[in-house]
Amino acid sequence: MDSLRSGVNELVKASHILINFGTNKDSAKAFASQLYSRAKKGEDFAALANEYSQDNGSKGRGGEYDYFPKGQMVKPFEDACFNNAPGSIVGPVETEFGYHIIKVTDKISEEIKFSEIMITVALTMNTKKQIRRDALSFKQQLDD
């Protein structure tokens, strides 16, 4: 029997815009701050990510990452995602990759609960006798 239940392991879904440090960390942070302001004012986050994000892995999806658990992302990014409510826009968050503008889109903790049915095989006396006869016949063939 399968059913959903509230679990203990929370997952978060987020999108981000990454601005690499480049040659000038201060100007990268200033640009990230501008993008943060634009996103907070209501500009389309996915459009901003498609145009400006330097994360080639996610920019084509509007910066979107699928649901992920704790321990999968770098700590500052993960903390920003898990410590803010869905709908929040956070940033600039500094990681080893650069500055991130993060939009937390969803959090879930549902897990699938299931029951297991265990089937054990019980051999009848006739089946046991047949297996013994087959084994003895096989042994006889090997001896011959």
C-alpha atoms as a PDB file:
ATOM      1  CA  MET A   1       0.000   0.000   0.000  1.00  0.00           C
ATOM      2  CA  ASP A   2       1.608   3.268  -1.121  1.00  0.00           C
ATOM      3  CA  SER A   3       0.813   6.651   0.384  1.00  0.00           C
ATOM      4  CA  LEU A   4       2.444  10.042   0.780  1.00  0.00           C
ATOM      5  CA  ARG A   5       3.441  11.286   4.175  1.00  0.00           C
ATOM      6  CA  SER A   6       5.331  14.251   5.472  1.00  0.00           C
ATOM      7  CA  GLY A   7       8.954  13.241   5.808  1.00  0.00           C
ATOM      8  CA  VAL A   8      11.971  14.536   7.627  1.00  0.00           C
ATOM      9  CA  ASN A   9      14.228  15.136   4.621  1.00  0.00           C
ATOM     10  CA  GLU A  10      13.280  18.422   3.021  1.00  0.00           C
ATOM     11  CA  LEU A  11      13.950  19.068  -0.655  1.00  0.00           C
ATOM     12  CA  VAL A  12      14.115  22.498  -2.227  1.00  0.00           C
ATOM     13  CA  LYS A  13      13.657  23.673  -5.794  1.00  0.00           C
ATOM     14  CA  ALA A  14      15.384  26.881  -6.835  1.00  0.00           C
ATOM     15  CA  SER A  15      16.570  28.914  -9.781  1.00  0.00           C
ATOM     16  CA  HIS A  16      19.675  31.049  -9.840  1.00  0.00           C
ATOM     17  CA  ILE A  17      21.676  33.534 -11.821  1.00  0.00           C
ATOM     18  CA  LEU A  18      25.438  33.094 -11.502  1.00  0.00           C
ATOM     19  CA  ILE A  19      27.866  35.944 -12.041  1.00  0.00           C
ATOM     20  CA  ASN A  20      31.478  34.737 -12.073  1.00  0.00           C
ATOM     21  CA  PHE A  21      34.102  36.808 -10.247  1.00  0.00           C
ATOM     22  CA  GLY A  22      35.985  37.409 -13.499  1.00  0.00           C
ATOM     23  CA  THR A  23      38.897  39.806 -13.206  1.00  0.00           C
ATOM     24  CA  ASN A  24      37.149  42.213 -10.813  1.00  0.00           C
ATOM     25  CA  LYS A  25      35.274  40.734  -7.866  1.00  0.00           C
ATOM     26  CA  ASP A  26      33.807  44.121  -6.857  1.00  0.00           C
ATOM     27  CA  SER A  27      32.304  44.807 -10.274  1.00  0.00           C
ATOM     28  CA  ALA A  28      30.918  41.246 -10.373  1.00  0.00           C
ATOM     29  CA  LYS A  29      29.222  41.867  -7.032  1.00  0.00           C
ATOM     30  CA  ALA A  30      27.879  45.233  -8.212  1.00  0.00           C
ATOM     31  CA  PHE A  31      26.422  43.630 -11.347  1.00  0.00           C
ATOM     32  CA  ALA A  32      24.917  40.785  -9.283  1.00  0.00           C
ATOM     33  CA  SER A  33      23.351  43.398  -6.977  1.00  0.00           C
ATOM     34  CA  GLN A  34      21.794  45.162  -9.991  1.00  0.00           C
ATOM     35  CA  LEU A  35      20.288  41.868 -11.197  1.00  0.00           C
ATOM     36  CA  TYR A  36      19.010  41.177  -7.674  1.00  0.00           C
ATOM     37  CA  SER A  37      17.253  44.580  -7.635  1.00  0.00           C
ATOM     38  CA  ARG A  38      15.695  43.948 -11.039  1.00  0.00           C
ATOM     39  CA  ALA A  39      14.439  40.515  -9.961  1.00  0.00           C
ATOM     40  CA  LYS A  40      13.036  41.916  -6.692  1.00  0.00           C
ATOM     41  CA  LYS A  41      11.155  44.594  -8.664  1.00  0.00           C
ATOM     42  CA  GLY A  42       9.360  41.846 -10.571  1.00  0.00           C
ATOM     43  CA  GLU A  43      11.345  41.343 -13.758  1.00  0.00           C
ATOM     44  CA  ASP A  44      11.018  37.822 -15.125  1.00  0.00           C
ATOM     45  CA  PHE A  45      13.644  35.774 -13.267  1.00  0.00           C
ATOM     46  CA  ALA A  46      13.953  33.119 -16.000  1.00  0.00           C
ATOM     47  CA  ALA A  47      14.513  35.791 -18.652  1.00  0.00           C
ATOM     48  CA  LEU A  48      17.228  37.422 -16.531  1.00  0.00           C
ATOM     49  CA  ALA A  49      18.876  34.019 -16.004  1.00  0.00           C
ATOM     50  CA  ASN A  50      18.718  33.171 -19.708  1.00  0.00           C
ATOM     51  CA  GLU A  51      20.365  36.467 -20.608  1.00  0.00           C
ATOM     52  CA  TYR A  52      22.925  37.000 -17.845  1.00  0.00           C
ATOM     53  CA  SER A  53      23.677  33.782 -15.937  1.00  0.00           C
ATOM     54  CA  GLN A  54      27.128  32.339 -16.440  1.00  0.00           C
ATOM     55  CA  ASP A  55      26.079  28.861 -15.311  1.00  0.00           C
ATOM     56  CA  ASN A  56      25.865  27.098 -18.653  1.00  0.00           C
ATOM     57  CA  GLY A  57      24.297  24.049 -17.004  1.00  0.00           C
ATOM     58  CA  SER A  58      21.138  25.846 -15.880  1.00  0.00           C
ATOM     59  CA  LYS A  59      20.851  29.118 -17.825  1.00  0.00           C
ATOM     60  CA  GLY A  60      18.983  27.452 -20.721  1.00  0.00           C
ATOM     61  CA  ARG A  61      16.275  26.424 -18.235  1.00  0.00           C
ATOM     62  CA  GLY A  62      15.894  29.913 -16.793  1.00  0.00           C
ATOM     63  CA  GLY A  63      18.428  29.081 -14.093  1.00  0.00           C
ATOM     64  CA  GLU A  64      16.261  26.295 -12.711  1.00  0.00           C
ATOM     65  CA  TYR A  65      17.563  23.387 -10.675  1.00  0.00           C
ATOM     66  CA  ASP A  66      15.330  20.432  -9.926  1.00  0.00           C
ATOM     67  CA  TYR A  67      14.573  19.447  -6.315  1.00  0.00           C
ATOM     68  CA  PHE A  68      17.695  18.747  -4.290  1.00  0.00           C
ATOM     69  CA  PRO A  69      18.389  17.637  -0.702  1.00  0.00           C
ATOM     70  CA  LYS A  70      20.806  19.099   1.795  1.00  0.00           C
ATOM     71  CA  GLY A  71      24.409  18.193   1.098  1.00  0.00           C
ATOM     72  CA  GLN A  72      24.226  18.372  -2.693  1.00  0.00           C
ATOM     73  CA  MET A  73      25.098  22.041  -3.274  1.00  0.00           C
ATOM     74  CA  VAL A  74      27.871  24.268  -1.913  1.00  0.00           C
ATOM     75  CA  LYS A  75      27.051  25.369   1.638  1.00  0.00           C
ATOM     76  CA  PRO A  76      26.304  29.111   1.150  1.00  0.00           C
ATOM     77  CA  PHE A  77      24.012  28.336  -1.807  1.00  0.00           C
ATOM     78  CA  GLU A  78      22.300  25.530   0.104  1.00  0.00           C
ATOM     79  CA  ASP A  79      21.826  27.672   3.215  1.00  0.00           C
ATOM     80  CA  ALA A  80      20.240  30.470   1.188  1.00  0.00           C
ATOM     81  CA  CYS A  81      17.828  28.000  -0.405  1.00  0.00           C
ATOM     82  CA  PHE A  82      16.815  26.102   2.732  1.00  0.00           C
ATOM     83  CA  ASN A  83      16.631  29.160   5.017  1.00  0.00           C
ATOM     84  CA  ASN A  84      14.227  31.152   2.827  1.00  0.00           C
ATOM     85  CA  ALA A  85      10.586  30.599   1.979  1.00  0.00           C
ATOM     86  CA  PRO A  86       9.323  29.687  -1.497  1.00  0.00           C
ATOM     87  CA  GLY A  87       8.907  32.846  -3.540  1.00  0.00           C
ATOM     88  CA  SER A  88      11.925  34.497  -1.900  1.00  0.00           C
ATOM     89  CA  ILE A  89      14.637  36.100  -3.991  1.00  0.00           C
ATOM     90  CA  VAL A  90      17.986  36.107  -2.209  1.00  0.00           C
ATOM     91  CA  GLY A  91      21.362  37.539  -3.077  1.00  0.00           C
ATOM     92  CA  PRO A  92      24.012  38.162  -3.913  1.00  0.00           C
ATOM     93  CA  VAL A  93      25.229  34.958  -2.265  1.00  0.00           C
ATOM     94  CA  GLU A  94      28.957  34.389  -2.590  1.00  0.00           C
ATOM     95  CA  THR A  95      30.328  30.905  -3.276  1.00  0.00           C
ATOM     96  CA  GLU A  96      33.535  29.610  -4.818  1.00  0.00           C
ATOM     97  CA  PHE A  97      31.812  29.892  -8.223  1.00  0.00           C
ATOM     98  CA  GLY A  98      30.863  33.565  -7.993  1.00  0.00           C
ATOM     99  CA  TYR A  99      27.792  35.516  -6.908  1.00  0.00           C
ATOM    100  CA  HIS A 100      24.354  33.942  -7.070  1.00  0.00           C
ATOM    101  CA  ILE A 101      20.948  35.552  -7.206  1.00  0.00           C
ATOM    102  CA  ILE A 102      18.615  32.792  -6.013  1.00  0.00           C
ATOM    103  CA  LYS A 103      14.873  32.377  -6.360  1.00  0.00           C
ATOM    104  CA  VAL A 104      13.468  29.703  -4.052  1.00  0.00           C
ATOM    105  CA  THR A 105      10.531  28.191  -5.929  1.00  0.00           C
ATOM    106  CA  ASP A 106       9.356  25.284  -3.778  1.00  0.00           C
ATOM    107  CA  LYS A 107      10.050  23.100  -0.760  1.00  0.00           C
ATOM    108  CA  ILE A 108       8.707  19.612  -0.173  1.00  0.00           C
ATOM    109  CA  SER A 109       9.260  16.872   2.345  1.00  0.00           C
ATOM    110  CA  GLU A 110       6.814  14.240   1.166  1.00  0.00           C
ATOM    111  CA  GLU A 111       8.033  10.710   1.146  1.00  0.00           C
ATOM    112  CA  ILE A 112       6.436   7.575  -0.163  1.00  0.00           C
ATOM    113  CA  LYS A 113       5.375   5.187   2.549  1.00  0.00           C
ATOM    114  CA  PHE A 114       4.965   1.599   1.490  1.00  0.00           C
ATOM    115  CA  SER A 115       4.254  -1.734   3.019  1.00  0.00           C
ATOM    116  CA  GLU A 116       6.229  -4.757   2.053  1.00  0.00           C
ATOM    117  CA  ILE A 117       4.661  -8.133   1.403  1.00  0.00           C
ATOM    118  CA  MET A 118       7.010 -11.014   1.979  1.00  0.00           C
ATOM    119  CA  ILE A 119       6.259 -14.318   0.321  1.00  0.00           C
ATOM    120  CA  THR A 120       8.010 -17.413   1.562  1.00  0.00           C
ATOM    121  CA  VAL A 121       7.996 -20.620  -0.402  1.00  0.00           C
ATOM    122  CA  ALA A 122       6.938 -23.709   1.516  1.00  0.00           C
ATOM    123  CA  LEU A 123       7.725 -26.999  -0.166  1.00  0.00           C
ATOM    124  CA  THR A 124       5.273 -29.852   0.158  1.00  0.00           C
ATOM    125  CA  MET A 125       6.496 -33.307   1.080  1.00  0.00           C
ATOM    126  CA  ASN A 126       5.850 -34.485  -2.497  1.00  0.00           C
ATOM    127  CA  THR A 127       7.983 -31.629  -3.905  1.00  0.00           C
ATOM    128  CA  LYS A 128      10.815 -32.427  -1.490  1.00  0.00           C
ATOM    129  CA  LYS A 129      10.688 -36.127  -2.480  1.00  0.00           C
ATOM    130  CA  GLN A 130      10.750 -35.178  -6.196  1.00  0.00           C
ATOM    131  CA  ILE A 131      13.778 -32.896  -5.687  1.00  0.00           C
ATOM    132  CA  ARG A 132      15.562 -35.701  -3.789  1.00  0.00           C
ATOM    133  CA  ARG A 133      14.789 -38.220  -6.585  1.00  0.00           C
ATOM    134  CA  ASP A 134      16.061 -35.718  -9.205  1.00  0.00           C
ATOM    135  CA  ALA A 135      19.247 -35.098  -7.215  1.00  0.00           C
ATOM    136  CA  LEU A 136      19.907 -38.829  -6.748  1.00  0.00           C
ATOM    137  CA  SER A 137      19.280 -39.405 -10.465  1.00  0.00           C
ATOM    138  CA  PHE A 138      21.699 -36.611 -11.348  1.00  0.00           C
ATOM    139  CA  LYS A 139      24.304 -38.020  -8.951  1.00  0.00           C
ATOM    140  CA  GLN A 140      23.890 -41.467 -10.521  1.00  0.00           C
ATOM    141  CA  GLN A 141      24.398 -39.985 -14.000  1.00  0.00           C
ATOM    142  CA  LEU A 142      27.594 -38.276 -12.802  1.00  0.00           C
ATOM    143  CA  ASP A 143      28.886 -41.490 -11.251  1.00  0.00           C
ATOM    144  CA  ASP A 144      28.217 -43.410 -14.482  1.00  0.00           C
END
